[in-house]
Amino acid sequence: MSWGAIIGAGLSFIGAKKQSTATTAAAAKNAETLKEAAIPKSVYDSMGSAVYNPATGQYEMKLSPDQQGLFNNYQQDIYRQRQFAEPLMRDPEAAAQRRYSTDLESLKLGENSAVQAGLRKGQARGLGAGSTLGIGALGEIDRANLANRSALLNSSRTGVQSDITNYLNRSEAARKGMFSVGQAPQQLANIGQGLATTATDAARYGSAPYLEAQTNAASASAQPFYQLGGYFNGLNKKRV
């Protein structure tokens, strides 16, 4: 190989190396910019915070003190309402009987009213033994009392079932409230991730003209070496 070909090849290599180095440096800088832009952002507000930890690659999420207190209250109410419901659910009939026994005391006050007491005392003394009206009135009163007791027992059973439903509904409402409050930091983290995506897109689109300019500049700065390499290669051909 002639000295012209050797010099031409060397100059062409230098030009290619110069262009490659400049283009690679521009690409590396752009990659670093995109990497920095892609880091999730920390977000804060009155509900709490979502702080991104680069060391773990995760968000550290916290509620504000007020919201944490509300979260705890909801959580406690979930179990409090269930504690009210569970004894009733284990034996609804026993619970209804207990309620019936308590309410029966009030019902007995009505059964022992002055009107009933007077009629029964008169009947006991024989004053109304031959009185159809007196006997009929007492029979009617007894039937009414029996109907009232039966209605009271049915009402007690219905009341127990209603209480179970109400306690469970309140527990479920507290659970939904707890999760609603607890989602605030996760929503902030979602915002932080969205900001990172926006920043990455902006960096990508913004750096495109820069990359193109760097590539063009690298190509232009390498042209003299290519031209000199071509010149020496040309000399070699002329001598041949």
C-alpha atoms as a PDB file:
ATOM      1  CA  MET A   1       0.000   0.000   0.000  1.00  0.00           C
ATOM      2  CA  SER A   2       1.392   3.454  -0.936  1.00  0.00           C
ATOM      3  CA  TRP A   3       2.047   6.200   1.523  1.00  0.00           C
ATOM      4  CA  GLY A   4      -0.830   8.219   0.038  1.00  0.00           C
ATOM      5  CA  ALA A   5      -3.323   5.428   0.677  1.00  0.00           C
ATOM      6  CA  ILE A   6      -2.024   5.004   4.233  1.00  0.00           C
ATOM      7  CA  ILE A   7      -2.291   8.730   4.976  1.00  0.00           C
ATOM      8  CA  GLY A   8      -5.731   8.885   3.340  1.00  0.00           C
ATOM      9  CA  ALA A   9      -7.017   5.940   5.361  1.00  0.00           C
ATOM     10  CA  GLY A  10      -5.610   7.452   8.568  1.00  0.00           C
ATOM     11  CA  LEU A  11      -7.229  10.812   7.946  1.00  0.00           C
ATOM     12  CA  SER A  12     -10.554   9.168   7.105  1.00  0.00           C
ATOM     13  CA  PHE A  13     -10.352   7.153  10.336  1.00  0.00           C
ATOM     14  CA  ILE A  14      -9.615  10.310  12.320  1.00  0.00           C
ATOM     15  CA  GLY A  15     -12.631  12.016  10.733  1.00  0.00           C
ATOM     16  CA  ALA A  16     -14.914   9.042  11.485  1.00  0.00           C
ATOM     17  CA  LYS A  17     -13.624   8.854  15.059  1.00  0.00           C
ATOM     18  CA  LYS A  18     -14.146  12.573  15.598  1.00  0.00           C
ATOM     19  CA  GLN A  19     -17.680  12.396  14.243  1.00  0.00           C
ATOM     20  CA  SER A  20     -18.510   9.274  16.259  1.00  0.00           C
ATOM     21  CA  THR A  21     -17.139  10.738  19.506  1.00  0.00           C
ATOM     22  CA  ALA A  22     -19.086  13.981  19.154  1.00  0.00           C
ATOM     23  CA  THR A  23     -22.319  12.159  18.239  1.00  0.00           C
ATOM     24  CA  THR A  24     -21.920   9.670  21.111  1.00  0.00           C
ATOM     25  CA  ALA A  25     -21.273  12.477  23.603  1.00  0.00           C
ATOM     26  CA  ALA A  26     -24.402  14.307  22.452  1.00  0.00           C
ATOM     27  CA  ALA A  27     -26.463  11.105  22.721  1.00  0.00           C
ATOM     28  CA  ALA A  28     -25.100  10.370  26.206  1.00  0.00           C
ATOM     29  CA  LYS A  29     -25.917  13.872  27.398  1.00  0.00           C
ATOM     30  CA  ASN A  30     -29.415  13.554  25.974  1.00  0.00           C
ATOM     31  CA  ALA A  31     -29.886  10.173  27.665  1.00  0.00           C
ATOM     32  CA  GLU A  32     -28.831  11.685  31.006  1.00  0.00           C
ATOM     33  CA  THR A  33     -31.301  14.527  30.538  1.00  0.00           C
ATOM     34  CA  LEU A  34     -34.121  12.060  29.794  1.00  0.00           C
ATOM     35  CA  LYS A  35     -33.152   9.914  32.781  1.00  0.00           C
ATOM     36  CA  GLU A  36     -33.251  12.926  35.087  1.00  0.00           C
ATOM     37  CA  ALA A  37     -36.606  14.044  33.688  1.00  0.00           C
ATOM     38  CA  ALA A  38     -38.065  10.548  34.140  1.00  0.00           C
ATOM     39  CA  ILE A  39     -37.475  10.495  37.911  1.00  0.00           C
ATOM     40  CA  PRO A  40     -40.929  10.605  39.611  1.00  0.00           C
ATOM     41  CA  LYS A  41     -41.634  13.893  41.354  1.00  0.00           C
ATOM     42  CA  SER A  42     -42.477  14.352  45.039  1.00  0.00           C
ATOM     43  CA  VAL A  43     -45.878  15.949  45.631  1.00  0.00           C
ATOM     44  CA  TYR A  44     -47.343  17.569  48.753  1.00  0.00           C
ATOM     45  CA  ASP A  45     -50.720  19.046  49.681  1.00  0.00           C
ATOM     46  CA  SER A  46     -52.963  19.543  52.721  1.00  0.00           C
ATOM     47  CA  MET A  47     -54.098  15.890  52.565  1.00  0.00           C
ATOM     48  CA  GLY A  48     -50.636  14.376  52.799  1.00  0.00           C
ATOM     49  CA  SER A  49     -47.460  13.761  50.825  1.00  0.00           C
ATOM     50  CA  ALA A  50     -45.872  11.352  48.356  1.00  0.00           C
ATOM     51  CA  VAL A  51     -42.082  11.653  48.546  1.00  0.00           C
ATOM     52  CA  TYR A  52     -40.062   9.731  45.964  1.00  0.00           C
ATOM     53  CA  ASN A  53     -37.008   7.937  47.343  1.00  0.00           C
ATOM     54  CA  PRO A  54     -34.403   7.319  44.581  1.00  0.00           C
ATOM     55  CA  ALA A  55     -32.551   4.854  46.794  1.00  0.00           C
ATOM     56  CA  THR A  56     -35.521   2.457  46.941  1.00  0.00           C
ATOM     57  CA  GLY A  57     -37.226   3.508  43.714  1.00  0.00           C
ATOM     58  CA  GLN A  58     -40.494   3.854  45.618  1.00  0.00           C
ATOM     59  CA  TYR A  59     -42.766   6.516  47.036  1.00  0.00           C
ATOM     60  CA  GLU A  60     -42.940   7.126  50.763  1.00  0.00           C
ATOM     61  CA  MET A  61     -46.573   8.085  51.267  1.00  0.00           C
ATOM     62  CA  LYS A  62     -48.043   9.747  54.346  1.00  0.00           C
ATOM     63  CA  LEU A  63     -51.320  11.341  55.383  1.00  0.00           C
ATOM     64  CA  SER A  64     -51.365  14.728  57.060  1.00  0.00           C
ATOM     65  CA  PRO A  65     -51.914  14.562  60.868  1.00  0.00           C
ATOM     66  CA  ASP A  66     -55.574  15.609  60.531  1.00  0.00           C
ATOM     67  CA  GLN A  67     -56.252  13.091  57.777  1.00  0.00           C
ATOM     68  CA  GLN A  68     -54.417  10.357  59.683  1.00  0.00           C
ATOM     69  CA  GLY A  69     -56.677  11.013  62.659  1.00  0.00           C
ATOM     70  CA  LEU A  70     -59.758  10.755  60.458  1.00  0.00           C
ATOM     71  CA  PHE A  71     -58.411   7.545  58.925  1.00  0.00           C
ATOM     72  CA  ASN A  72     -57.913   6.035  62.396  1.00  0.00           C
ATOM     73  CA  ASN A  73     -61.412   7.035  63.512  1.00  0.00           C
ATOM     74  CA  TYR A  74     -62.958   5.386  60.475  1.00  0.00           C
ATOM     75  CA  GLN A  75     -60.909   2.260  61.090  1.00  0.00           C
ATOM     76  CA  GLN A  76     -61.999   2.064  64.733  1.00  0.00           C
ATOM     77  CA  ASP A  77     -65.638   2.561  63.779  1.00  0.00           C
ATOM     78  CA  ILE A  78     -65.481  -0.396  61.381  1.00  0.00           C
ATOM     79  CA  TYR A  79     -64.741  -2.763  64.259  1.00  0.00           C
ATOM     80  CA  ARG A  80     -66.937  -0.957  66.773  1.00  0.00           C
ATOM     81  CA  GLN A  81     -70.017  -1.384  64.588  1.00  0.00           C
ATOM     82  CA  ARG A  82     -69.153  -5.032  63.950  1.00  0.00           C
ATOM     83  CA  GLN A  83     -68.820  -5.639  67.679  1.00  0.00           C
ATOM     84  CA  PHE A  84     -72.371  -4.356  68.084  1.00  0.00           C
ATOM     85  CA  ALA A  85     -73.652  -6.590  65.293  1.00  0.00           C
ATOM     86  CA  GLU A  86     -71.839  -9.846  66.025  1.00  0.00           C
ATOM     87  CA  PRO A  87     -73.629 -10.823  69.292  1.00  0.00           C
ATOM     88  CA  LEU A  88     -76.973 -10.250  67.584  1.00  0.00           C
ATOM     89  CA  MET A  89     -75.898 -12.244  64.535  1.00  0.00           C
ATOM     90  CA  ARG A  90     -74.728 -15.224  66.605  1.00  0.00           C
ATOM     91  CA  ASP A  91     -78.221 -15.770  68.087  1.00  0.00           C
ATOM     92  CA  PRO A  92     -80.879 -13.378  66.764  1.00  0.00           C
ATOM     93  CA  GLU A  93     -83.724 -15.196  68.559  1.00  0.00           C
ATOM     94  CA  ALA A  94     -82.050 -14.944  71.956  1.00  0.00           C
ATOM     95  CA  ALA A  95     -81.441 -11.246  71.329  1.00  0.00           C
ATOM     96  CA  ALA A  96     -85.103 -10.804  70.367  1.00  0.00           C
ATOM     97  CA  GLN A  97     -86.249 -12.585  73.536  1.00  0.00           C
ATOM     98  CA  ARG A  98     -84.060 -10.333  75.673  1.00  0.00           C
ATOM     99  CA  ARG A  99     -85.502  -7.278  73.999  1.00  0.00           C
ATOM    100  CA  TYR A 100     -89.012  -8.652  74.391  1.00  0.00           C
ATOM    101  CA  SER A 101     -88.498  -9.288  78.106  1.00  0.00           C
ATOM    102  CA  THR A 102     -87.317  -5.736  78.634  1.00  0.00           C
ATOM    103  CA  ASP A 103     -90.156  -4.151  76.651  1.00  0.00           C
ATOM    104  CA  LEU A 104     -92.720  -6.464  78.285  1.00  0.00           C
ATOM    105  CA  GLU A 105     -92.274  -4.654  81.562  1.00  0.00           C
ATOM    106  CA  SER A 106     -93.601  -1.487  79.962  1.00  0.00           C
ATOM    107  CA  LEU A 107     -96.454  -3.415  78.363  1.00  0.00           C
ATOM    108  CA  LYS A 108     -97.463  -4.867  81.728  1.00  0.00           C
ATOM    109  CA  LEU A 109     -97.944  -1.366  83.069  1.00  0.00           C
ATOM    110  CA  GLY A 110    -100.724  -0.926  80.540  1.00  0.00           C
ATOM    111  CA  GLU A 111    -102.210  -4.310  81.364  1.00  0.00           C
ATOM    112  CA  ASN A 112    -102.335  -3.327  85.035  1.00  0.00           C
ATOM    113  CA  SER A 113    -104.027  -0.012  84.348  1.00  0.00           C
ATOM    114  CA  ALA A 114    -106.814   1.254  86.600  1.00  0.00           C
ATOM    115  CA  VAL A 115    -109.584   0.113  84.216  1.00  0.00           C
ATOM    116  CA  GLN A 116    -108.327  -3.471  84.006  1.00  0.00           C
ATOM    117  CA  ALA A 117    -107.507  -3.602  87.704  1.00  0.00           C
ATOM    118  CA  GLY A 118    -110.983  -2.365  88.635  1.00  0.00           C
ATOM    119  CA  LEU A 119    -112.752  -4.926  86.472  1.00  0.00           C
ATOM    120  CA  ARG A 120    -110.660  -7.784  87.802  1.00  0.00           C
ATOM    121  CA  LYS A 121    -111.160  -6.759  91.411  1.00  0.00           C
ATOM    122  CA  GLY A 122    -114.905  -6.585  90.879  1.00  0.00           C
ATOM    123  CA  GLN A 123    -114.881  -9.990  89.205  1.00  0.00           C
ATOM    124  CA  ALA A 124    -112.883 -11.446  92.083  1.00  0.00           C
ATOM    125  CA  ARG A 125    -115.451 -10.173  94.612  1.00  0.00           C
ATOM    126  CA  GLY A 126    -118.256 -11.743  92.651  1.00  0.00           C
ATOM    127  CA  LEU A 127    -119.749  -8.386  91.803  1.00  0.00           C
ATOM    128  CA  GLY A 128    -119.699  -9.077  88.107  1.00  0.00           C
ATOM    129  CA  ALA A 129    -120.065 -12.832  88.139  1.00  0.00           C
ATOM    130  CA  GLY A 130    -123.503 -12.732  86.592  1.00  0.00           C
ATOM    131  CA  SER A 131    -122.762  -9.783  84.381  1.00  0.00           C
ATOM    132  CA  THR A 132    -122.345 -10.666  80.740  1.00  0.00           C
ATOM    133  CA  LEU A 133    -120.932  -7.200  80.122  1.00  0.00           C
ATOM    134  CA  GLY A 134    -118.303  -7.606  82.820  1.00  0.00           C
ATOM    135  CA  ILE A 135    -117.241 -11.051  81.667  1.00  0.00           C
ATOM    136  CA  GLY A 136    -117.159  -9.939  78.018  1.00  0.00           C
ATOM    137  CA  ALA A 137    -115.104  -6.904  78.842  1.00  0.00           C
ATOM    138  CA  LEU A 138    -112.535  -8.973  80.702  1.00  0.00           C
ATOM    139  CA  GLY A 139    -112.342 -11.490  77.834  1.00  0.00           C
ATOM    140  CA  GLU A 140    -111.849  -8.708  75.331  1.00  0.00           C
ATOM    141  CA  ILE A 141    -109.103  -7.213  77.454  1.00  0.00           C
ATOM    142  CA  ASP A 142    -107.313 -10.585  77.744  1.00  0.00           C
ATOM    143  CA  ARG A 143    -107.450 -11.105  74.002  1.00  0.00           C
ATOM    144  CA  ALA A 144    -106.093  -7.610  73.427  1.00  0.00           C
ATOM    145  CA  ASN A 145    -103.278  -8.210  75.912  1.00  0.00           C
ATOM    146  CA  LEU A 146    -102.330 -11.476  74.198  1.00  0.00           C
ATOM    147  CA  ALA A 147    -102.335  -9.789  70.776  1.00  0.00           C
ATOM    148  CA  ASN A 148    -100.171  -6.977  72.131  1.00  0.00           C
ATOM    149  CA  ARG A 149     -97.630  -9.447  73.534  1.00  0.00           C
ATOM    150  CA  SER A 150     -97.495 -11.347  70.251  1.00  0.00           C
ATOM    151  CA  ALA A 151     -97.037  -8.098  68.334  1.00  0.00           C
ATOM    152  CA  LEU A 152     -94.314  -7.058  70.787  1.00  0.00           C
ATOM    153  CA  LEU A 153     -92.382 -10.307  70.205  1.00  0.00           C
ATOM    154  CA  ASN A 154     -92.610  -9.901  66.423  1.00  0.00           C
ATOM    155  CA  SER A 155     -91.504  -6.304  66.780  1.00  0.00           C
ATOM    156  CA  SER A 156     -88.525  -7.407  68.881  1.00  0.00           C
ATOM    157  CA  ARG A 157     -87.448  -9.899  66.216  1.00  0.00           C
ATOM    158  CA  THR A 158     -87.804  -7.296  63.469  1.00  0.00           C
ATOM    159  CA  GLY A 159     -85.913  -4.786  65.585  1.00  0.00           C
ATOM    160  CA  VAL A 160     -82.974  -7.165  66.059  1.00  0.00           C
ATOM    161  CA  GLN A 161     -82.709  -7.797  62.306  1.00  0.00           C
ATOM    162  CA  SER A 162     -82.937  -4.073  61.656  1.00  0.00           C
ATOM    163  CA  ASP A 163     -80.165  -3.372  64.151  1.00  0.00           C
ATOM    164  CA  ILE A 164     -77.914  -5.981  62.525  1.00  0.00           C
ATOM    165  CA  THR A 165     -78.449  -4.373  59.128  1.00  0.00           C
ATOM    166  CA  ASN A 166     -77.831  -0.877  60.483  1.00  0.00           C
ATOM    167  CA  TYR A 167     -74.612  -1.871  62.263  1.00  0.00           C
ATOM    168  CA  LEU A 168     -73.268  -3.629  59.169  1.00  0.00           C
ATOM    169  CA  ASN A 169     -74.198  -0.663  56.952  1.00  0.00           C
ATOM    170  CA  ARG A 170     -72.400   1.704  59.314  1.00  0.00           C
ATOM    171  CA  SER A 171     -69.353  -0.563  59.333  1.00  0.00           C
ATOM    172  CA  GLU A 172     -69.314  -0.617  55.534  1.00  0.00           C
ATOM    173  CA  ALA A 173     -69.723   3.175  55.384  1.00  0.00           C
ATOM    174  CA  ALA A 174     -66.762   3.555  57.768  1.00  0.00           C
ATOM    175  CA  ARG A 175     -64.688   1.187  55.602  1.00  0.00           C
ATOM    176  CA  LYS A 176     -65.425   3.240  52.482  1.00  0.00           C
ATOM    177  CA  GLY A 177     -64.601   6.437  54.356  1.00  0.00           C
ATOM    178  CA  MET A 178     -61.291   4.982  55.536  1.00  0.00           C
ATOM    179  CA  PHE A 179     -60.248   3.942  52.026  1.00  0.00           C
ATOM    180  CA  SER A 180     -61.374   7.275  50.604  1.00  0.00           C
ATOM    181  CA  VAL A 181     -59.109   9.138  53.021  1.00  0.00           C
ATOM    182  CA  GLY A 182     -56.275   6.633  52.640  1.00  0.00           C
ATOM    183  CA  GLN A 183     -56.147   7.027  48.857  1.00  0.00           C
ATOM    184  CA  ALA A 184     -54.976  10.644  49.039  1.00  0.00           C
ATOM    185  CA  PRO A 185     -51.193   9.890  49.119  1.00  0.00           C
ATOM    186  CA  GLN A 186     -51.550   7.373  46.271  1.00  0.00           C
ATOM    187  CA  GLN A 187     -53.323  10.015  44.203  1.00  0.00           C
ATOM    188  CA  LEU A 188     -50.429  12.395  44.905  1.00  0.00           C
ATOM    189  CA  ALA A 189     -47.987   9.689  43.800  1.00  0.00           C
ATOM    190  CA  ASN A 190     -49.972   9.294  40.575  1.00  0.00           C
ATOM    191  CA  ILE A 191     -49.649  13.025  40.007  1.00  0.00           C
ATOM    192  CA  GLY A 192     -45.871  12.791  40.612  1.00  0.00           C
ATOM    193  CA  GLN A 193     -45.560  10.004  38.063  1.00  0.00           C
ATOM    194  CA  GLY A 194     -47.623  12.018  35.598  1.00  0.00           C
ATOM    195  CA  LEU A 195     -45.328  15.007  36.060  1.00  0.00           C
ATOM    196  CA  ALA A 196     -42.326  12.773  35.342  1.00  0.00           C
ATOM    197  CA  THR A 197     -43.946  11.539  32.126  1.00  0.00           C
ATOM    198  CA  THR A 198     -44.668  15.112  31.050  1.00  0.00           C
ATOM    199  CA  ALA A 199     -41.107  16.169  31.852  1.00  0.00           C
ATOM    200  CA  THR A 200     -39.710  13.218  29.893  1.00  0.00           C
ATOM    201  CA  ASP A 201     -41.800  14.060  26.840  1.00  0.00           C
ATOM    202  CA  ALA A 202     -40.749  17.690  27.057  1.00  0.00           C
ATOM    203  CA  ALA A 203     -37.083  16.717  27.355  1.00  0.00           C
ATOM    204  CA  ARG A 204     -37.360  14.306  24.430  1.00  0.00           C
ATOM    205  CA  TYR A 205     -39.029  16.790  22.099  1.00  0.00           C
ATOM    206  CA  GLY A 206     -36.885  19.674  23.300  1.00  0.00           C
ATOM    207  CA  SER A 207     -33.617  17.819  22.815  1.00  0.00           C
ATOM    208  CA  ALA A 208     -34.405  16.606  19.290  1.00  0.00           C
ATOM    209  CA  PRO A 209     -33.180  19.862  17.624  1.00  0.00           C
ATOM    210  CA  TYR A 210     -30.098  19.809  19.866  1.00  0.00           C
ATOM    211  CA  LEU A 211     -29.227  16.241  18.860  1.00  0.00           C
ATOM    212  CA  GLU A 212     -29.690  17.082  15.203  1.00  0.00           C
ATOM    213  CA  ALA A 213     -27.495  20.178  15.542  1.00  0.00           C
ATOM    214  CA  GLN A 214     -24.785  18.207  17.346  1.00  0.00           C
ATOM    215  CA  THR A 215     -24.861  15.516  14.694  1.00  0.00           C
ATOM    216  CA  ASN A 216     -24.583  18.104  11.932  1.00  0.00           C
ATOM    217  CA  ALA A 217     -21.749  19.892  13.755  1.00  0.00           C
ATOM    218  CA  ALA A 218     -19.880  16.625  14.251  1.00  0.00           C
ATOM    219  CA  SER A 219     -20.278  15.781  10.592  1.00  0.00           C
ATOM    220  CA  ALA A 220     -19.087  19.241   9.533  1.00  0.00           C
ATOM    221  CA  SER A 221     -16.023  19.149  11.791  1.00  0.00           C
ATOM    222  CA  ALA A 222     -15.063  15.747  10.377  1.00  0.00           C
ATOM    223  CA  GLN A 223     -15.358  16.842   6.733  1.00  0.00           C
ATOM    224  CA  PRO A 224     -11.818  18.319   6.461  1.00  0.00           C
ATOM    225  CA  PHE A 225     -10.336  14.997   7.483  1.00  0.00           C
ATOM    226  CA  TYR A 226     -12.490  13.140   4.967  1.00  0.00           C
ATOM    227  CA  GLN A 227     -11.527  15.626   2.261  1.00  0.00           C
ATOM    228  CA  LEU A 228      -7.810  15.347   3.033  1.00  0.00           C
ATOM    229  CA  GLY A 229      -8.134  11.576   3.122  1.00  0.00           C
ATOM    230  CA  GLY A 230      -9.804  11.655  -0.266  1.00  0.00           C
ATOM    231  CA  TYR A 231      -7.106  13.971  -1.581  1.00  0.00           C
ATOM    232  CA  PHE A 232      -4.288  11.632  -0.566  1.00  0.00           C
ATOM    233  CA  ASN A 233      -6.172   8.647  -1.939  1.00  0.00           C
ATOM    234  CA  GLY A 234      -6.513  10.601  -5.181  1.00  0.00           C
ATOM    235  CA  LEU A 235      -2.775  11.212  -5.304  1.00  0.00           C
ATOM    236  CA  ASN A 236      -2.245   7.529  -4.967  1.00  0.00           C
ATOM    237  CA  LYS A 237      -4.463   6.839  -7.970  1.00  0.00           C
ATOM    238  CA  LYS A 238      -2.734   9.465 -10.078  1.00  0.00           C
ATOM    239  CA  ARG A 239       0.653   7.904  -9.404  1.00  0.00           C
ATOM    240  CA  VAL A 240      -0.681   4.476 -10.347  1.00  0.00           C
END
